[in-house]
Amino acid sequence: MKKNIGSALALYPTPVVVVGAMNGEKPTWTLVAHVGIIGHDRILVSLASAHFINRFIKDGKKLSVNIVDEGILPEADYVGSVSGAKADKSAMFQYDLGEAGTPMICKAPLTMECSVEDVYNTPGFESFICTIDNTYVEEEHLNEAVKINYQTLKPVLFEFPTYEYLKTGEVLGKCLSFKTNPEK
């Protein structure tokens, strides 16, 4: 029997990313685990309203979404634990500027450069609705069809209720390959 636990946000785990934006001539970074797909052409990045980086995202209308793997997890965790208002996090990652002008973490296996199309406000949060301008992927994480291979990329996942990082798991099967009716 299922137990009603109230209005619990239960869509975890989610991928861990580091969001970057330019603060003048240097980048600023923050760890984000509240990201999602809101259509085939839009993503959402949700940040607490008090985050230092928010004003630079709103001013520049650009941000980068850098997928976190185990190789950059310690640095990613750090940029999520200190405020950019109190610590200069610009040198935490070696970075390049993408074609759209966003800071891209060199060691991130995948980076999306995004333009902010809208900001959806809820109490205490600003959710940036973004289009994807460019996606950069390390070639070792592309398959023969030039599609992202998440079996090699292995993004770190975040599970909110316990504040734990998780590894991605094994492949269970191809989508739409279970052609039999499980009720029979």
Protein backbone atom coordinates (compact mmCIF):
# COMPACT_ATOMS: atom_id res chain seq x y z
CA MET A 1 0.00 0.00 0.00
CA LYS A 2 1.26 3.49 -0.83
CA LYS A 3 1.49 6.14 1.87
CA ASN A 4 0.63 9.78 1.17
CA ILE A 5 3.68 11.85 2.18
CA GLY A 6 2.14 15.18 1.20
CA SER A 7 3.31 17.58 -1.47
CA ALA A 8 6.80 16.15 -1.94
CA LEU A 9 8.96 16.98 -4.93
CA ALA A 10 9.78 13.45 -6.05
CA LEU A 11 11.32 13.76 -9.50
CA TYR A 12 14.84 12.87 -8.41
CA PRO A 13 17.59 12.10 -9.17
CA THR A 14 18.45 14.91 -11.58
CA PRO A 15 21.71 15.71 -13.36
CA VAL A 16 24.21 17.93 -11.57
CA VAL A 17 25.43 20.91 -13.57
CA VAL A 18 27.56 23.97 -13.03
CA VAL A 19 26.00 27.10 -14.45
CA GLY A 20 28.35 29.81 -15.64
CA ALA A 21 27.78 33.46 -16.51
CA MET A 22 30.06 36.39 -17.13
CA ASN A 23 30.56 38.88 -14.30
CA GLY A 24 32.20 41.63 -16.34
CA GLU A 25 35.46 40.22 -17.70
CA LYS A 26 35.48 37.07 -15.57
CA PRO A 27 33.12 34.16 -15.02
CA THR A 28 31.15 33.22 -11.99
CA TRP A 29 29.89 29.71 -11.33
CA THR A 30 27.28 27.93 -9.24
CA LEU A 31 26.20 24.33 -8.74
CA VAL A 32 22.65 23.57 -9.85
CA ALA A 33 20.59 20.39 -9.61
CA HIS A 34 17.24 21.90 -10.48
CA VAL A 35 17.37 21.73 -14.25
CA GLY A 36 14.89 20.24 -16.64
CA ILE A 37 13.55 19.89 -20.12
CA ILE A 38 10.37 21.85 -20.82
CA GLY A 39 10.14 21.07 -24.52
CA HIS A 40 12.28 19.88 -27.38
CA ASP A 41 13.56 23.43 -27.73
CA ARG A 42 13.73 24.75 -24.13
CA ILE A 43 15.36 23.93 -20.81
CA LEU A 44 14.74 25.37 -17.37
CA VAL A 45 17.42 26.29 -14.84
CA SER A 46 15.96 27.06 -11.41
CA LEU A 47 17.98 29.04 -8.88
CA ALA A 48 17.15 30.49 -5.49
CA SER A 49 16.47 34.21 -5.96
CA ALA A 50 19.32 35.17 -3.64
CA HIS A 51 22.04 33.57 -5.78
CA PHE A 52 24.82 35.98 -6.73
CA ILE A 53 24.93 34.71 -10.33
CA ASN A 54 21.26 35.51 -11.06
CA ARG A 55 21.81 39.21 -11.78
CA PHE A 56 24.55 38.42 -14.32
CA ILE A 57 22.31 35.90 -16.03
CA LYS A 58 19.48 38.43 -16.18
CA ASP A 59 21.75 41.25 -17.38
CA GLY A 60 23.55 39.23 -20.07
CA LYS A 61 20.63 36.93 -20.91
CA LYS A 62 23.18 34.13 -21.39
CA LEU A 63 24.38 31.19 -19.34
CA SER A 64 26.29 27.98 -19.76
CA VAL A 65 25.16 24.61 -18.46
CA ASN A 66 28.17 22.38 -17.80
CA ILE A 67 27.46 18.70 -17.09
CA VAL A 68 29.30 17.42 -14.02
CA ASP A 69 31.08 14.07 -14.12
CA GLU A 70 33.14 12.48 -11.35
CA GLY A 71 36.28 14.24 -12.59
CA ILE A 72 35.01 17.73 -11.70
CA LEU A 73 32.67 16.84 -8.84
CA PRO A 74 34.90 18.23 -6.02
CA GLU A 75 35.18 21.64 -7.73
CA ALA A 76 31.50 21.62 -8.65
CA ASP A 77 30.53 20.84 -5.07
CA TYR A 78 32.72 23.70 -3.85
CA VAL A 79 31.14 26.32 -6.16
CA GLY A 80 27.78 25.27 -4.76
CA SER A 81 28.92 25.72 -1.17
CA VAL A 82 30.13 29.34 -1.28
CA SER A 83 28.45 32.49 -2.53
CA GLY A 84 30.02 34.48 -5.34
CA ALA A 85 29.24 37.57 -3.25
CA LYS A 86 31.71 36.33 -0.61
CA ALA A 87 34.29 34.44 -2.68
CA ASP A 88 35.72 34.94 -6.16
CA LYS A 89 35.01 31.61 -7.90
CA SER A 90 36.25 32.77 -11.31
CA ALA A 91 39.50 30.76 -11.17
CA MET A 92 37.89 27.53 -9.95
CA PHE A 93 37.72 26.11 -13.47
CA GLN A 94 39.86 26.59 -16.54
CA TYR A 95 37.40 27.88 -19.14
CA ASP A 96 36.97 29.03 -22.71
CA LEU A 97 34.33 31.36 -24.07
CA GLY A 98 31.87 29.71 -26.43
CA GLU A 99 30.57 31.19 -29.65
CA ALA A 100 27.70 32.82 -27.74
CA GLY A 101 30.11 34.33 -25.19
CA THR A 102 29.38 32.12 -22.22
CA PRO A 103 32.11 30.63 -20.03
CA MET A 104 32.52 26.89 -20.71
CA ILE A 105 34.38 24.65 -18.26
CA CYS A 106 37.21 22.98 -20.20
CA LYS A 107 37.02 19.74 -18.16
CA ALA A 108 33.23 19.44 -18.39
CA PRO A 109 32.37 16.61 -20.78
CA LEU A 110 29.41 18.56 -22.19
CA THR A 111 28.48 22.24 -22.18
CA MET A 112 25.37 23.93 -23.50
CA GLU A 113 25.41 27.64 -24.24
CA CYS A 114 21.97 29.06 -23.63
CA SER A 115 20.02 32.27 -24.17
CA VAL A 116 17.51 33.27 -21.54
CA GLU A 117 14.08 33.70 -23.14
CA ASP A 118 12.07 34.29 -19.96
CA VAL A 119 12.26 34.18 -16.18
CA TYR A 120 9.50 32.41 -14.27
CA ASN A 121 9.34 33.61 -10.67
CA THR A 122 7.97 31.60 -7.77
CA PRO A 123 8.37 32.44 -4.06
CA GLY A 124 12.12 32.44 -3.42
CA PHE A 125 13.14 31.15 -6.88
CA GLU A 126 13.94 32.42 -10.34
CA SER A 127 13.60 29.83 -13.07
CA PHE A 128 15.38 30.73 -16.28
CA ILE A 129 13.68 29.42 -19.41
CA CYS A 130 16.40 29.02 -22.01
CA THR A 131 16.95 28.10 -25.62
CA ILE A 132 20.09 26.16 -26.45
CA ASP A 133 22.42 28.08 -28.76
CA ASN A 134 25.29 25.57 -28.94
CA THR A 135 26.18 22.21 -27.43
CA TYR A 136 29.82 21.19 -27.10
CA VAL A 137 30.67 17.55 -26.34
CA GLU A 138 34.03 15.83 -25.89
CA GLU A 139 34.41 13.63 -28.97
CA GLU A 140 35.01 10.53 -26.83
CA HIS A 141 31.38 10.87 -25.69
CA LEU A 142 29.88 10.82 -29.18
CA ASN A 143 28.73 7.64 -30.89
CA GLU A 144 29.03 6.76 -34.58
CA ALA A 145 25.85 8.74 -35.35
CA VAL A 146 27.36 11.81 -33.62
CA LYS A 147 24.86 11.52 -30.77
CA ILE A 148 25.78 11.86 -27.09
CA ASN A 149 26.75 8.55 -25.50
CA TYR A 150 25.71 8.76 -21.86
CA GLN A 151 27.20 5.34 -21.17
CA THR A 152 30.64 6.92 -21.51
CA LEU A 153 29.77 10.46 -20.38
CA LYS A 154 28.28 9.30 -17.06
CA PRO A 155 26.84 12.50 -15.58
CA VAL A 156 26.64 12.74 -11.81
CA LEU A 157 23.09 12.76 -10.46
CA PHE A 158 21.73 14.54 -7.37
CA GLU A 159 19.10 13.13 -5.04
CA PHE A 160 17.47 15.97 -3.11
CA PRO A 161 15.86 14.34 -0.06
CA THR A 162 19.21 12.92 1.13
CA TYR A 163 21.58 15.45 -0.53
CA GLU A 164 23.58 12.65 -2.12
CA TYR A 165 25.43 12.40 -5.43
CA LEU A 166 24.78 9.22 -7.46
CA LYS A 167 26.45 7.48 -10.39
CA THR A 168 24.46 6.72 -13.48
CA GLY A 169 23.45 3.11 -13.83
CA GLU A 170 23.35 0.39 -16.42
CA VAL A 171 21.22 0.27 -19.56
CA LEU A 172 17.95 -1.60 -19.01
CA GLY A 173 16.87 -1.63 -22.65
CA LYS A 174 16.07 0.57 -25.60
CA CYS A 175 13.10 2.92 -25.37
CA LEU A 176 9.98 1.53 -27.06
CA SER A 177 11.57 -1.93 -27.31
CA PHE A 178 9.30 -3.64 -24.80
CA LYS A 179 6.69 -4.45 -27.42
CA THR A 180 4.67 -6.93 -25.39
CA ASN A 181 1.80 -5.84 -23.22
CA PRO A 182 3.00 -6.31 -19.60
CA GLU A 183 -0.61 -6.86 -18.44
CA LYS A 184 -0.94 -10.10 -20.43
